[in-house]
Amino acid sequence: MKKSIKRIFSGLIGTAMLCTSLPVVYAEDTTADVIFSSSFENDSDVSAFTGRGGVESISVTKDSAHTGEGSMLVSDRAKNWNGPQLLLDERCEAGVEYTVSAWVRTEWYSTINLSMEYTDSSGERHYSNLKSVTSQGEWVEIPEAKLSFSEDMTNVYVYFECSDTANIYIDDFKLAKAPTVEIEDIPSLKEVYAPYFHIGTAIGNGISSSQPLKDLVAKHFDRVTPGNELKPESLLDRNACIEAGNDNPQISLKNAKSFLNYCRDNKIAVRGHTLVWHSQTPDWFFKENYADDGDYVSKETMLKRMENYIKNVMSALAEEYPTVEFYAWDVVNEAWLDDGSVRKPGGYNIDTNTSGWVQVFGDNSFIEYAFEYARKYAPEGCALFYNDYNEYIDGKTNAIYNMAMELKEKGLIDGIGMQSHLDVGYPSVSQYRKALEKFASTGLDIQVTELDITTPSNSESDLKKQAEIYDGILQACVDYSDHISAVTFWGITDDGSWRASKYPLLFDADYKAKPAYYSIIDGLDVPATSSTTTEATTTETVTTTATTAPSSDDDVVYGDANADGKVDVADVVAVAAYVGSAE
């Protein structure tokens, strides 16, 4: 029998935080190994940097400085992407996390970007923005930006650019190994929610080089979804496609290697994402001879491409990673507009509402074929899902429902994925719950697949509101847990999120749990008897014994560690003794 109670463990820790400064989390090792730093006082200090465009002038100037007397001046920038770059290959190790920081300014209003560039194993260049700041002529800090790279990446650079061709001044540059951070000893999400559903998160290739992220995943999550690594643009090998002929698209797992190796080595189940999607699928995939300027292929040719693509993806994964469990696949992603209509024809680079699939087929008839082929080639036991965002808007809710019922009748679909990219202002919990109820009525499995909830700022009041919405959404999921097999958060820490500027996740940039985390723990309907085991970074196991809940909420005084019916300093002593024994 389930009881609506607050988790006593969290209450005890909360009491300690309110009444005393006793530490309740493991301490951080804040020392960082500096790899390279400079305040640019001498001409030789800029010698490590080269110009990306080959036309820039890079020198030390005494005209402006954040500290000391000098700074690095980058002038003669012909284009906005021109700027200084620092080669990391010879300075840094693959699989290790680093931080980069600096102070920057421009002569007028400009946005300055700190970014990373590298070449993958196929020779293709990739670019990733790390931090962006705006200067109006004053010095602005680029705070520590995290970066890492894998063994198959070469010519790895960190570089600066800005939104125009203004001169850039850079000072107090520092590249350092990221400090060792031990994650908090708090209840494990996957264990607390084990009676209801699996708890997952989205990760990428970078997971292998961040120990704190690996520790958070190991502690809190038992399922993972690749953020980008298994999308068509990451898998398709264009040259091999051309060589193989017009009907048989070729794929390579090279861009997913680090992610898949991590899943294999850590024996963690994967949610495949995604097979058929209008976005992040190259336009040339839909065209004759895979040419950018080719005509769109016929429906018959596209069906052959679709089947062979799905077949080749499943075959490659089974052959190269036979021990990695794919418990589900998003077969089709985001095929409906918010009003329930079909996307418009055209490449996805034309407009966010256009689709190459609709360009070829004229409608959404390709969806059924995709599920037929996925059912044919997916590994045994792998559940097949349709996945979408804004799934709580009535028009889209109804379109998904009707499509799912048709596919269910034909035995082609196993579940509906509710992406759940939300905001504190919209939708309401009741609107979300209404959509959840509708999807549950299909009798199909429901998975929350990409949950995040944005908030305007990380102020105390905004984080409190975010916590309230998270609590409401997770409570709705618990209420429908008979229909839900998994809830996946779209990322781990705020700074790694695709919506980083709006702090959407449960953990902050310092790997600390936010109020949102505590809200979904404290407000949970939990079994009357539960046991929680957590592991610290040191692999020391900390176990709390099973606790039987009181017969009613009225019997509970939260924070009453010594069970004397009141909360006072004696309870702090009890908490301190508990924390000390746990360590």
Protein backbone atom coordinates (compact mmCIF):
# COMPACT_ATOMS: atom_id res chain seq x y z
CA MET A 1 0.00 0.00 0.00
CA LYS A 2 1.35 3.42 -0.94
CA LYS A 3 1.38 6.28 1.54
CA SER A 4 1.61 10.01 0.71
CA ILE A 5 4.56 10.92 2.92
CA LYS A 6 7.64 13.07 2.80
CA ARG A 7 10.86 11.15 2.64
CA ILE A 8 12.21 11.17 6.17
CA PHE A 9 15.84 11.11 5.01
CA SER A 10 15.38 14.39 3.13
CA GLY A 11 13.68 15.92 6.14
CA LEU A 12 16.63 15.12 8.34
CA ILE A 13 19.11 16.64 5.94
CA GLY A 14 16.89 19.70 5.58
CA THR A 15 16.88 20.18 9.35
CA ALA A 16 20.65 20.06 9.49
CA MET A 17 20.98 22.65 6.72
CA LEU A 18 18.59 25.01 8.50
CA CYS A 19 19.98 24.70 12.01
CA THR A 20 23.72 24.35 11.57
CA SER A 21 26.58 24.47 9.11
CA LEU A 22 27.37 20.80 9.55
CA PRO A 23 28.46 19.37 6.19
CA VAL A 24 26.01 16.93 4.66
CA VAL A 25 27.71 16.37 1.31
CA TYR A 26 31.14 15.23 0.36
CA ALA A 27 33.73 17.97 0.05
CA GLU A 28 35.06 19.05 -3.34
CA ASP A 29 38.67 19.00 -4.40
CA THR A 30 38.84 22.51 -5.83
CA THR A 31 42.48 22.41 -6.87
CA ALA A 32 42.95 22.56 -10.61
CA ASP A 33 46.05 21.72 -12.66
CA VAL A 34 46.74 24.71 -14.89
CA ILE A 35 47.82 23.58 -18.35
CA PHE A 36 48.37 26.99 -19.92
CA SER A 37 47.71 30.53 -18.73
CA SER A 38 48.76 34.05 -19.65
CA SER A 39 48.05 37.66 -18.73
CA PHE A 40 49.84 38.70 -21.96
CA GLU A 41 52.49 41.01 -20.54
CA ASN A 42 55.25 40.10 -23.04
CA ASP A 43 55.27 39.70 -26.82
CA SER A 44 56.10 36.00 -26.51
CA ASP A 45 52.91 35.36 -24.53
CA VAL A 46 50.81 35.28 -27.71
CA SER A 47 53.04 32.82 -29.58
CA ALA A 48 50.84 29.84 -28.68
CA PHE A 49 47.89 31.34 -30.58
CA THR A 50 47.39 31.33 -34.34
CA GLY A 51 44.82 33.08 -36.53
CA ARG A 52 41.88 31.02 -37.79
CA GLY A 53 41.57 33.06 -40.98
CA GLY A 54 45.27 33.54 -41.63
CA VAL A 55 44.81 37.30 -41.95
CA GLU A 56 44.52 38.34 -38.31
CA SER A 57 47.18 40.31 -36.46
CA ILE A 58 47.77 38.89 -32.98
CA SER A 59 49.93 40.93 -30.64
CA VAL A 60 50.41 42.17 -27.08
CA THR A 61 49.09 45.67 -26.47
CA LYS A 62 49.47 48.02 -23.54
CA ASP A 63 46.41 50.06 -24.60
CA SER A 64 44.00 48.04 -22.47
CA ALA A 65 44.31 45.33 -19.82
CA HIS A 66 42.08 43.60 -17.32
CA THR A 67 44.98 42.92 -14.97
CA GLY A 68 48.61 43.95 -15.25
CA GLU A 69 49.64 46.20 -18.10
CA GLY A 70 49.06 44.11 -21.22
CA SER A 71 46.48 42.04 -23.08
CA MET A 72 46.24 40.13 -26.37
CA LEU A 73 44.94 42.26 -29.23
CA VAL A 74 43.38 40.57 -32.26
CA SER A 75 43.00 43.04 -35.14
CA ASP A 76 42.63 42.97 -38.94
CA ARG A 77 39.72 40.51 -38.69
CA ALA A 78 38.24 40.33 -42.19
CA LYS A 79 35.29 38.13 -41.17
CA ASN A 80 33.41 37.52 -37.94
CA TRP A 81 34.80 33.98 -37.57
CA ASN A 82 38.39 35.24 -37.72
CA GLY A 83 40.12 35.14 -34.36
CA PRO A 84 42.80 33.48 -32.22
CA GLN A 85 42.90 29.73 -31.72
CA LEU A 86 44.87 27.50 -29.37
CA LEU A 87 45.73 23.92 -30.37
CA LEU A 88 44.83 21.46 -27.61
CA ASP A 89 46.07 18.14 -29.02
CA GLU A 90 49.59 18.47 -27.63
CA ARG A 91 48.54 20.08 -24.35
CA CYS A 92 45.54 18.03 -23.30
CA GLU A 93 44.64 14.35 -22.99
CA ALA A 94 41.70 12.67 -24.63
CA GLY A 95 39.07 11.54 -22.16
CA VAL A 96 39.89 14.23 -19.59
CA GLU A 97 37.69 17.21 -18.76
CA TYR A 98 39.17 20.73 -18.87
CA THR A 99 37.99 24.27 -18.24
CA VAL A 100 38.79 27.43 -20.21
CA SER A 101 38.29 30.95 -18.88
CA ALA A 102 39.29 34.47 -19.93
CA TRP A 103 38.39 38.14 -19.77
CA VAL A 104 37.46 39.77 -23.08
CA ARG A 105 36.35 43.10 -24.50
CA THR A 106 35.62 44.76 -27.83
CA GLU A 107 35.60 48.40 -28.89
CA TRP A 108 31.83 48.55 -29.26
CA TYR A 109 28.78 46.36 -28.70
CA SER A 110 29.66 42.82 -29.82
CA THR A 111 28.94 39.24 -28.85
CA ILE A 112 32.13 37.26 -28.23
CA ASN A 113 32.06 33.48 -28.53
CA LEU A 114 34.41 30.94 -27.01
CA SER A 115 34.14 27.79 -29.11
CA MET A 116 35.74 24.43 -29.83
CA GLU A 117 36.67 22.92 -33.21
CA TYR A 118 37.88 19.43 -34.09
CA THR A 119 38.24 16.91 -36.91
CA ASP A 120 36.53 13.52 -36.58
CA SER A 121 37.88 10.18 -37.78
CA SER A 122 36.35 10.68 -41.24
CA GLY A 123 38.07 14.04 -41.71
CA GLU A 124 34.95 16.16 -41.16
CA ARG A 125 35.24 19.37 -39.14
CA HIS A 126 32.91 20.06 -36.21
CA TYR A 127 32.23 23.24 -34.25
CA SER A 128 30.73 23.68 -30.79
CA ASN A 129 30.02 26.90 -28.90
CA LEU A 130 31.15 26.76 -25.27
CA LYS A 131 30.25 30.22 -23.94
CA SER A 132 28.99 33.55 -25.28
CA VAL A 133 29.23 36.97 -23.64
CA THR A 134 28.44 40.52 -24.74
CA SER A 135 30.83 43.46 -24.39
CA GLN A 136 29.89 47.10 -24.85
CA GLY A 137 33.47 48.25 -24.64
CA GLU A 138 34.04 46.99 -21.10
CA TRP A 139 35.90 43.91 -19.89
CA VAL A 140 33.60 40.89 -19.52
CA GLU A 141 34.44 37.53 -17.98
CA ILE A 142 34.03 34.28 -19.84
CA PRO A 143 33.68 31.98 -16.82
CA GLU A 144 35.06 28.48 -16.76
CA ALA A 145 33.70 26.60 -19.76
CA LYS A 146 33.96 22.82 -19.69
CA LEU A 147 35.38 20.92 -22.65
CA SER A 148 36.70 17.48 -23.46
CA PHE A 149 37.44 15.39 -26.52
CA SER A 150 37.73 11.72 -27.40
CA GLU A 151 40.62 9.74 -28.87
CA ASP A 152 39.19 9.81 -32.39
CA MET A 153 39.23 13.63 -32.50
CA THR A 154 42.25 15.48 -33.93
CA ASN A 155 43.20 19.10 -34.63
CA VAL A 156 41.26 20.14 -31.55
CA TYR A 157 41.22 23.90 -31.05
CA VAL A 158 39.61 26.31 -28.63
CA TYR A 159 39.05 29.69 -30.27
CA PHE A 160 37.50 33.15 -29.97
CA GLU A 161 35.31 34.93 -32.50
CA CYS A 162 32.72 37.70 -32.34
CA SER A 163 29.58 38.89 -34.09
CA ASP A 164 31.40 41.47 -36.23
CA THR A 165 34.93 42.35 -37.32
CA ALA A 166 35.77 44.52 -34.32
CA ASN A 167 39.13 44.23 -32.58
CA ILE A 168 39.09 41.69 -29.75
CA TYR A 169 41.05 42.11 -26.53
CA ILE A 170 41.74 39.01 -24.41
CA ASP A 171 43.34 38.84 -20.97
CA ASP A 172 43.85 36.42 -18.08
CA PHE A 173 43.42 33.35 -20.26
CA LYS A 174 43.53 30.02 -18.43
CA LEU A 175 43.27 26.39 -19.56
CA ALA A 176 43.15 23.91 -16.67
CA LYS A 177 42.13 20.40 -15.79
CA ALA A 178 38.66 20.45 -14.32
CA PRO A 179 38.80 20.00 -10.53
CA THR A 180 37.74 16.70 -9.06
CA VAL A 181 34.19 16.94 -7.75
CA GLU A 182 32.56 14.31 -5.60
CA ILE A 183 28.83 14.18 -6.08
CA GLU A 184 26.39 14.63 -3.22
CA ASP A 185 25.34 11.72 -1.05
CA ILE A 186 21.61 12.08 -1.62
CA PRO A 187 18.87 9.57 -2.48
CA SER A 188 19.22 7.89 -5.86
CA LEU A 189 16.48 8.86 -8.29
CA LYS A 190 16.47 5.48 -10.00
CA GLU A 191 16.07 3.70 -6.67
CA VAL A 192 13.42 6.02 -5.24
CA TYR A 193 11.35 5.67 -8.42
CA ALA A 194 12.03 1.96 -8.92
CA PRO A 195 8.51 0.98 -7.75
CA TYR A 196 7.04 3.13 -10.52
CA PHE A 197 9.24 3.37 -13.62
CA HIS A 198 12.81 3.59 -14.89
CA ILE A 199 14.66 6.91 -14.69
CA GLY A 200 16.82 7.91 -17.66
CA THR A 201 18.87 10.82 -18.96
CA ALA A 202 20.30 12.10 -22.23
CA ILE A 203 24.07 11.93 -22.65
CA GLY A 204 26.59 12.22 -25.47
CA ASN A 205 30.12 11.28 -26.40
CA GLY A 206 31.47 13.70 -23.80
CA ILE A 207 30.23 11.53 -20.94
CA SER A 208 33.40 9.44 -21.09
CA SER A 209 35.65 12.35 -20.12
CA SER A 210 33.71 13.82 -17.19
CA GLN A 211 33.99 11.85 -13.97
CA PRO A 212 31.32 13.85 -12.10
CA LEU A 213 28.84 13.30 -14.93
CA LYS A 214 29.66 9.60 -14.98
CA ASP A 215 29.14 9.49 -11.22
CA LEU A 216 25.77 11.24 -11.48
CA VAL A 217 24.60 8.87 -14.20
CA ALA A 218 25.74 5.81 -12.25
CA LYS A 219 23.98 7.00 -9.11
CA HIS A 220 20.70 8.38 -10.43
CA PHE A 221 19.87 6.86 -13.84
CA ASP A 222 19.40 3.36 -15.24
CA ARG A 223 18.59 4.29 -18.85
CA VAL A 224 20.29 6.65 -21.34
CA THR A 225 19.35 8.30 -24.63
CA PRO A 226 21.98 9.71 -27.02
CA GLY A 227 21.44 13.41 -27.58
CA ASN A 228 22.66 13.44 -31.20
CA GLU A 229 24.90 10.43 -31.78
CA LEU A 230 22.30 8.12 -33.38
CA LYS A 231 20.44 10.67 -35.47
CA PRO A 232 20.64 10.28 -39.28
CA GLU A 233 23.10 13.14 -39.82
CA SER A 234 25.48 11.48 -37.35
CA LEU A 235 25.21 8.01 -38.89
CA LEU A 236 24.94 8.56 -42.65
CA ASP A 237 28.20 8.17 -44.58
CA ARG A 238 27.67 10.20 -47.73
CA ASN A 239 30.63 8.88 -49.72
CA ALA A 240 29.73 5.29 -48.89
CA CYS A 241 26.10 6.00 -49.86
CA ILE A 242 27.20 7.20 -53.29
CA GLU A 243 29.42 4.16 -53.80
CA ALA A 244 26.70 1.71 -52.70
CA GLY A 245 24.10 2.93 -55.17
CA ASN A 246 20.91 4.92 -55.12
CA ASP A 247 18.81 2.60 -52.94
CA ASN A 248 21.11 1.46 -50.13
CA PRO A 249 22.20 4.23 -47.71
CA GLN A 250 25.36 3.36 -45.81
CA ILE A 251 25.98 4.27 -42.21
CA SER A 252 28.91 4.42 -39.82
CA LEU A 253 28.91 4.34 -36.03
CA LYS A 254 32.14 6.34 -35.77
CA ASN A 255 30.38 9.45 -34.45
CA ALA A 256 28.66 7.38 -31.75
CA LYS A 257 31.72 5.38 -30.71
CA SER A 258 32.39 7.04 -27.35
CA PHE A 259 28.72 6.95 -26.39
CA LEU A 260 28.28 3.30 -27.34
CA ASN A 261 31.52 2.27 -25.67
CA TYR A 262 30.33 3.92 -22.47
CA CYS A 263 26.99 2.09 -22.62
CA ARG A 264 28.71 -1.22 -23.30
CA ASP A 265 31.29 -0.83 -20.56
CA ASN A 266 28.73 0.32 -17.99
CA LYS A 267 26.00 -2.13 -19.02
CA ILE A 268 23.36 0.59 -19.24
CA ALA A 269 20.30 0.21 -21.48
CA VAL A 270 19.79 2.59 -24.41
CA ARG A 271 16.79 4.33 -25.92
CA GLY A 272 17.54 4.65 -29.64
CA HIS A 273 16.88 8.15 -30.96
CA THR A 274 15.84 8.51 -33.78
CA LEU A 275 15.30 6.64 -37.08
CA VAL A 276 12.92 8.71 -39.23
CA TRP A 277 12.90 12.46 -38.68
CA HIS A 278 12.61 15.55 -40.87
CA SER A 279 15.27 17.41 -38.86
CA GLN A 280 18.95 16.51 -38.54
CA THR A 281 18.55 14.38 -41.65
CA PRO A 282 20.59 15.78 -44.57
CA ASP A 283 18.58 17.09 -47.50
CA TRP A 284 20.75 15.05 -49.84
CA PHE A 285 19.34 11.88 -48.26
CA PHE A 286 16.10 12.57 -50.16
CA LYS A 287 17.71 13.39 -53.51
CA GLU A 288 18.96 11.54 -56.56
CA ASN A 289 22.53 10.27 -56.22
CA TYR A 290 22.66 11.90 -52.77
CA ALA A 291 23.49 15.21 -54.46
CA ASP A 292 22.70 18.56 -52.87
CA ASP A 293 21.33 19.85 -56.17
CA GLY A 294 19.67 16.60 -57.23
CA ASP A 295 15.96 16.09 -57.80
CA TYR A 296 13.93 14.56 -55.01
CA VAL A 297 13.68 10.79 -55.47
CA SER A 298 10.45 8.91 -56.09
CA LYS A 299 8.35 7.42 -53.32
CA GLU A 300 9.46 3.94 -54.39
CA THR A 301 13.15 4.83 -54.16
CA MET A 302 12.64 6.53 -50.79
CA LEU A 303 10.93 3.45 -49.39
CA LYS A 304 13.94 1.36 -50.39
CA ARG A 305 16.25 3.89 -48.79
CA MET A 306 14.16 3.94 -45.63
CA GLU A 307 14.10 0.16 -45.29
CA ASN A 308 17.80 -0.24 -45.99
CA TYR A 309 18.72 2.61 -43.67
CA ILE A 310 16.79 1.06 -40.77
CA LYS A 311 18.18 -2.38 -41.61
CA ASN A 312 21.76 -1.09 -41.78
CA VAL A 313 21.48 0.79 -38.48
CA MET A 314 20.12 -2.24 -36.65
CA SER A 315 22.67 -4.57 -38.25
CA ALA A 316 25.65 -2.34 -37.44
CA LEU A 317 24.61 -1.98 -33.81
CA ALA A 318 24.03 -5.71 -33.43
CA GLU A 319 27.37 -6.55 -35.04
CA GLU A 320 29.58 -3.94 -33.37
CA TYR A 321 27.82 -3.68 -30.00
CA PRO A 322 26.05 -7.00 -29.43
CA THR A 323 25.92 -6.59 -25.64
CA VAL A 324 24.34 -3.12 -25.64
CA GLU A 325 20.63 -3.40 -24.90
CA PHE A 326 18.33 -1.19 -26.94
CA TYR A 327 15.15 -1.32 -24.90
CA ALA A 328 13.30 1.11 -27.20
CA TRP A 329 13.63 3.11 -30.44
CA ASP A 330 11.99 6.34 -31.52
CA VAL A 331 10.95 5.11 -34.95
CA VAL A 332 9.35 8.37 -36.10
CA ASN A 333 9.99 11.74 -34.49
CA GLU A 334 7.94 14.96 -34.67
CA ALA A 335 5.80 14.30 -37.75
CA TRP A 336 2.81 16.45 -36.72
CA LEU A 337 2.42 20.22 -36.39
CA ASP A 338 0.85 21.68 -33.26
CA ASP A 339 -2.59 21.97 -34.87
CA GLY A 340 -2.53 18.30 -35.82
CA SER A 341 -1.78 18.87 -39.49
CA VAL A 342 1.00 17.37 -41.60
CA ARG A 343 4.30 19.23 -41.98
CA LYS A 344 4.85 21.22 -45.16
CA PRO A 345 6.96 19.76 -48.01
CA GLY A 346 10.59 20.85 -48.26
CA GLY A 347 14.01 20.47 -46.68
CA TYR A 348 14.30 21.15 -42.98
CA ASN A 349 16.78 23.96 -43.62
CA ILE A 350 14.05 25.92 -45.41
CA ASP A 351 11.67 26.20 -42.49
CA THR A 352 11.17 24.49 -39.13
CA ASN A 353 7.76 23.27 -40.32
CA THR A 354 8.97 21.58 -43.53
CA SER A 355 9.88 17.93 -44.05
CA GLY A 356 11.77 16.04 -46.72
CA TRP A 357 9.61 13.00 -45.99
CA VAL A 358 6.47 14.97 -46.80
CA GLN A 359 8.21 16.40 -49.88
CA VAL A 360 8.61 12.87 -51.25
CA PHE A 361 5.40 11.22 -49.98
CA GLY A 362 3.03 14.18 -50.05
CA ASP A 363 1.63 13.29 -46.62
CA ASN A 364 2.43 11.26 -43.50
CA SER A 365 1.92 7.87 -45.15
CA PHE A 366 5.64 7.18 -44.62
CA ILE A 367 5.00 6.69 -40.89
CA GLU A 368 3.40 3.27 -41.25
CA TYR A 369 6.21 2.04 -43.51
CA ALA A 370 8.79 3.18 -40.96
CA PHE A 371 7.14 1.13 -38.23
CA GLU A 372 6.83 -1.89 -40.54
CA TYR A 373 10.56 -1.83 -41.28
CA ALA A 374 11.50 -1.14 -37.66
CA ARG A 375 9.39 -4.09 -36.52
CA LYS A 376 11.11 -6.23 -39.14
CA TYR A 377 14.70 -5.36 -38.18
CA ALA A 378 14.68 -4.21 -34.54
CA PRO A 379 16.12 -6.63 -31.97
CA GLU A 380 13.71 -8.86 -30.10
CA GLY A 381 12.14 -7.12 -27.13
CA CYS A 382 12.87 -3.62 -28.40
CA ALA A 383 9.79 -1.39 -28.04
CA LEU A 384 8.87 0.88 -30.96
CA PHE A 385 7.75 4.45 -30.22
CA TYR A 386 6.36 7.53 -31.87
CA ASN A 387 7.92 10.60 -30.21
CA ASP A 388 6.86 14.28 -30.27
CA TYR A 389 7.02 17.65 -28.50
CA ASN A 390 4.14 20.03 -27.61
CA GLU A 391 2.26 16.78 -27.21
CA TYR A 392 -0.07 18.48 -24.69
CA ILE A 393 -1.56 20.86 -27.31
CA ASP A 394 -5.00 19.53 -28.23
CA GLY A 395 -4.52 19.43 -32.01
CA LYS A 396 -1.31 17.48 -31.78
CA THR A 397 -2.58 15.30 -28.92
CA ASN A 398 -5.50 14.14 -31.05
CA ALA A 399 -3.35 13.57 -34.15
CA ILE A 400 -0.91 11.42 -32.18
CA TYR A 401 -3.76 9.51 -30.52
CA ASN A 402 -5.50 8.71 -33.82
CA MET A 403 -2.26 7.69 -35.53
CA ALA A 404 -1.24 5.51 -32.58
CA MET A 405 -4.56 3.70 -32.49
CA GLU A 406 -4.30 2.87 -36.21
CA LEU A 407 -0.75 1.58 -35.81
CA LYS A 408 -1.70 -0.36 -32.68
CA GLU A 409 -4.50 -2.14 -34.54
CA LYS A 410 -1.88 -3.35 -37.02
CA GLY A 411 0.54 -4.42 -34.30
CA LEU A 412 3.21 -1.96 -35.37
CA ILE A 413 3.63 0.36 -32.39
CA ASP A 414 4.41 -0.27 -28.73
CA GLY A 415 4.36 3.18 -27.20
CA ILE A 416 4.08 6.95 -27.32
CA GLY A 417 6.96 9.21 -26.34
CA MET A 418 6.04 12.46 -24.62
CA GLN A 419 9.09 14.69 -25.06
CA SER A 420 7.92 17.11 -22.35
CA HIS A 421 10.00 20.20 -23.11
CA LEU A 422 8.17 22.47 -20.68
CA ASP A 423 8.40 25.90 -19.06
CA VAL A 424 7.31 27.10 -15.63
CA GLY A 425 4.66 29.24 -17.35
CA TYR A 426 3.32 26.72 -19.86
CA PRO A 427 1.74 24.24 -20.00
CA SER A 428 -0.06 23.90 -16.70
CA VAL A 429 0.26 20.63 -14.85
CA SER A 430 -3.45 20.00 -15.44
CA GLN A 431 -3.03 20.44 -19.21
CA TYR A 432 -0.09 18.05 -19.21
CA ARG A 433 -2.05 15.55 -17.13
CA LYS A 434 -4.94 15.74 -19.61
CA ALA A 435 -2.64 14.70 -22.48
CA LEU A 436 -1.13 11.95 -20.36
CA GLU A 437 -4.59 10.60 -19.61
CA LYS A 438 -5.48 10.63 -23.32
CA PHE A 439 -2.34 8.73 -24.32
CA ALA A 440 -2.75 6.25 -21.48
CA SER A 441 -6.22 5.42 -22.80
CA THR A 442 -4.61 3.91 -25.92
CA GLY A 443 -3.36 1.00 -23.83
CA LEU A 444 0.13 1.59 -25.22
CA ASP A 445 3.23 2.09 -23.13
CA ILE A 446 3.98 5.73 -22.35
CA GLN A 447 7.48 7.10 -21.86
CA VAL A 448 8.40 10.65 -20.91
CA THR A 449 11.40 10.96 -23.18
CA GLU A 450 13.03 14.42 -23.03
CA LEU A 451 11.86 16.12 -19.84
CA ASP A 452 13.17 19.57 -18.98
CA ILE A 453 11.44 22.63 -17.51
CA THR A 454 12.85 26.08 -18.21
CA THR A 455 12.72 29.03 -15.81
CA PRO A 456 13.61 32.71 -16.43
CA SER A 457 16.50 32.78 -13.97
CA ASN A 458 18.21 30.87 -11.20
CA SER A 459 16.86 33.19 -8.51
CA GLU A 460 15.43 31.61 -5.38
CA SER A 461 11.86 32.42 -6.38
CA ASP A 462 12.22 31.11 -9.94
CA LEU A 463 13.87 27.89 -8.79
CA LYS A 464 11.08 27.44 -6.26
CA LYS A 465 8.48 27.79 -9.01
CA GLN A 466 10.41 25.33 -11.17
CA ALA A 467 10.46 22.88 -8.28
CA GLU A 468 6.69 23.15 -7.93
CA ILE A 469 6.13 22.38 -11.61
CA TYR A 470 8.58 19.47 -11.56
CA ASP A 471 6.77 18.10 -8.51
CA GLY A 472 3.42 18.34 -10.29
CA ILE A 473 4.67 16.67 -13.48
CA LEU A 474 6.38 13.80 -11.67
CA GLN A 475 3.34 13.31 -9.43
CA ALA A 476 1.20 13.01 -12.57
CA CYS A 477 3.62 10.38 -13.87
CA VAL A 478 3.44 8.46 -10.60
CA ASP A 479 -0.36 8.61 -10.72
CA TYR A 480 -0.23 7.02 -14.20
CA SER A 481 2.72 4.75 -13.45
CA ASP A 482 0.71 1.69 -14.49
CA HIS A 483 0.98 3.08 -18.03
CA ILE A 484 4.48 4.61 -17.88
CA SER A 485 7.63 2.50 -18.12
CA ALA A 486 10.29 5.25 -18.10
CA VAL A 487 10.87 8.95 -17.46
CA THR A 488 13.96 10.43 -19.12
CA PHE A 489 15.40 13.87 -18.36
CA TRP A 490 16.96 15.66 -21.34
CA GLY A 491 20.37 16.14 -19.80
CA ILE A 492 22.12 16.03 -16.45
CA THR A 493 23.35 19.51 -15.50
CA ASP A 494 22.02 22.91 -16.52
CA ASP A 495 25.19 24.02 -18.28
CA GLY A 496 25.13 20.96 -20.54
CA SER A 497 21.52 21.44 -21.61
CA TRP A 498 20.41 22.59 -25.06
CA ARG A 499 18.37 25.17 -23.08
CA ALA A 500 21.22 26.08 -20.74
CA SER A 501 20.34 29.78 -20.43
CA LYS A 502 17.08 28.85 -18.69
CA TYR A 503 18.35 26.36 -16.10
CA PRO A 504 16.01 23.48 -17.05
CA LEU A 505 17.39 20.42 -15.24
CA LEU A 506 17.70 18.88 -11.77
CA PHE A 507 21.42 19.54 -11.22
CA ASP A 508 23.34 22.79 -11.59
CA ALA A 509 26.68 23.45 -13.28
CA ASP A 510 28.49 22.44 -10.09
CA TYR A 511 26.79 19.01 -10.13
CA LYS A 512 24.65 19.97 -7.12
CA ALA A 513 21.00 19.03 -6.76
CA LYS A 514 18.60 21.95 -7.21
CA PRO A 515 15.28 22.53 -5.44
CA ALA A 516 13.62 20.73 -8.36
CA TYR A 517 15.44 17.53 -7.40
CA TYR A 518 14.29 17.76 -3.80
CA SER A 519 10.73 18.53 -4.86
CA ILE A 520 10.38 15.29 -6.79
CA ILE A 521 11.90 13.33 -3.91
CA ASP A 522 10.07 15.01 -1.04
CA GLY A 523 6.68 15.07 -2.72
CA LEU A 524 6.70 11.48 -3.91
CA ASP A 525 4.18 8.81 -3.06
CA VAL A 526 6.54 6.13 -1.77
CA PRO A 527 5.99 2.54 -0.70
CA ALA A 528 5.48 2.04 3.03
CA THR A 529 8.84 0.24 3.20
CA SER A 530 11.81 1.31 1.14
CA SER A 531 15.56 1.00 1.07
CA THR A 532 18.05 3.34 -0.56
CA THR A 533 21.66 2.57 -1.41
CA THR A 534 23.99 5.24 -2.77
CA GLU A 535 27.57 5.20 -3.92
CA ALA A 536 30.08 7.98 -3.44
CA THR A 537 32.69 8.80 -6.06
CA THR A 538 35.20 6.77 -4.05
CA THR A 539 33.01 3.68 -4.67
CA GLU A 540 32.39 3.39 -0.93
CA THR A 541 28.82 2.12 -0.51
CA VAL A 542 26.49 3.96 1.86
CA THR A 543 23.31 2.15 2.82
CA THR A 544 20.27 3.36 4.71
CA THR A 545 18.25 0.60 6.30
CA ALA A 546 14.61 -0.04 5.47
CA THR A 547 12.25 2.34 7.25
CA THR A 548 8.59 1.64 7.92
CA ALA A 549 6.43 4.70 7.44
CA PRO A 550 4.00 5.80 10.18
CA SER A 551 0.35 4.95 9.69
CA SER A 552 -0.60 8.50 8.65
CA ASP A 553 0.92 11.85 7.71
CA ASP A 554 -0.39 13.32 10.97
CA ASP A 555 2.04 11.13 12.89
CA VAL A 556 5.09 12.58 11.13
CA VAL A 557 7.04 15.61 12.35
CA TYR A 558 9.52 16.31 9.54
CA GLY A 559 13.05 16.80 10.82
CA ASP A 560 12.25 15.08 14.13
CA ALA A 561 15.33 12.88 14.04
CA ASN A 562 15.09 11.59 17.61
CA ALA A 563 11.30 11.05 17.49
CA ASP A 564 10.53 13.24 20.53
CA GLY A 565 7.72 15.07 18.76
CA LYS A 566 9.58 18.35 18.19
CA VAL A 567 12.34 19.80 16.02
CA ASP A 568 15.26 21.31 17.91
CA VAL A 569 19.03 21.19 18.29
CA ALA A 570 18.84 17.63 19.59
CA ASP A 571 17.72 16.59 16.13
CA VAL A 572 20.77 18.31 14.61
CA VAL A 573 22.99 16.20 16.85
CA ALA A 574 21.17 13.10 15.64
CA VAL A 575 21.65 14.12 12.03
CA ALA A 576 25.34 14.82 12.60
CA ALA A 577 25.76 11.37 14.10
CA TYR A 578 23.97 9.84 11.11
CA VAL A 579 26.07 11.72 8.57
CA GLY A 580 29.25 10.84 10.40
CA SER A 581 28.41 7.14 10.45
CA ALA A 582 27.51 7.23 6.75
CA GLU A 583 30.92 8.54 5.79
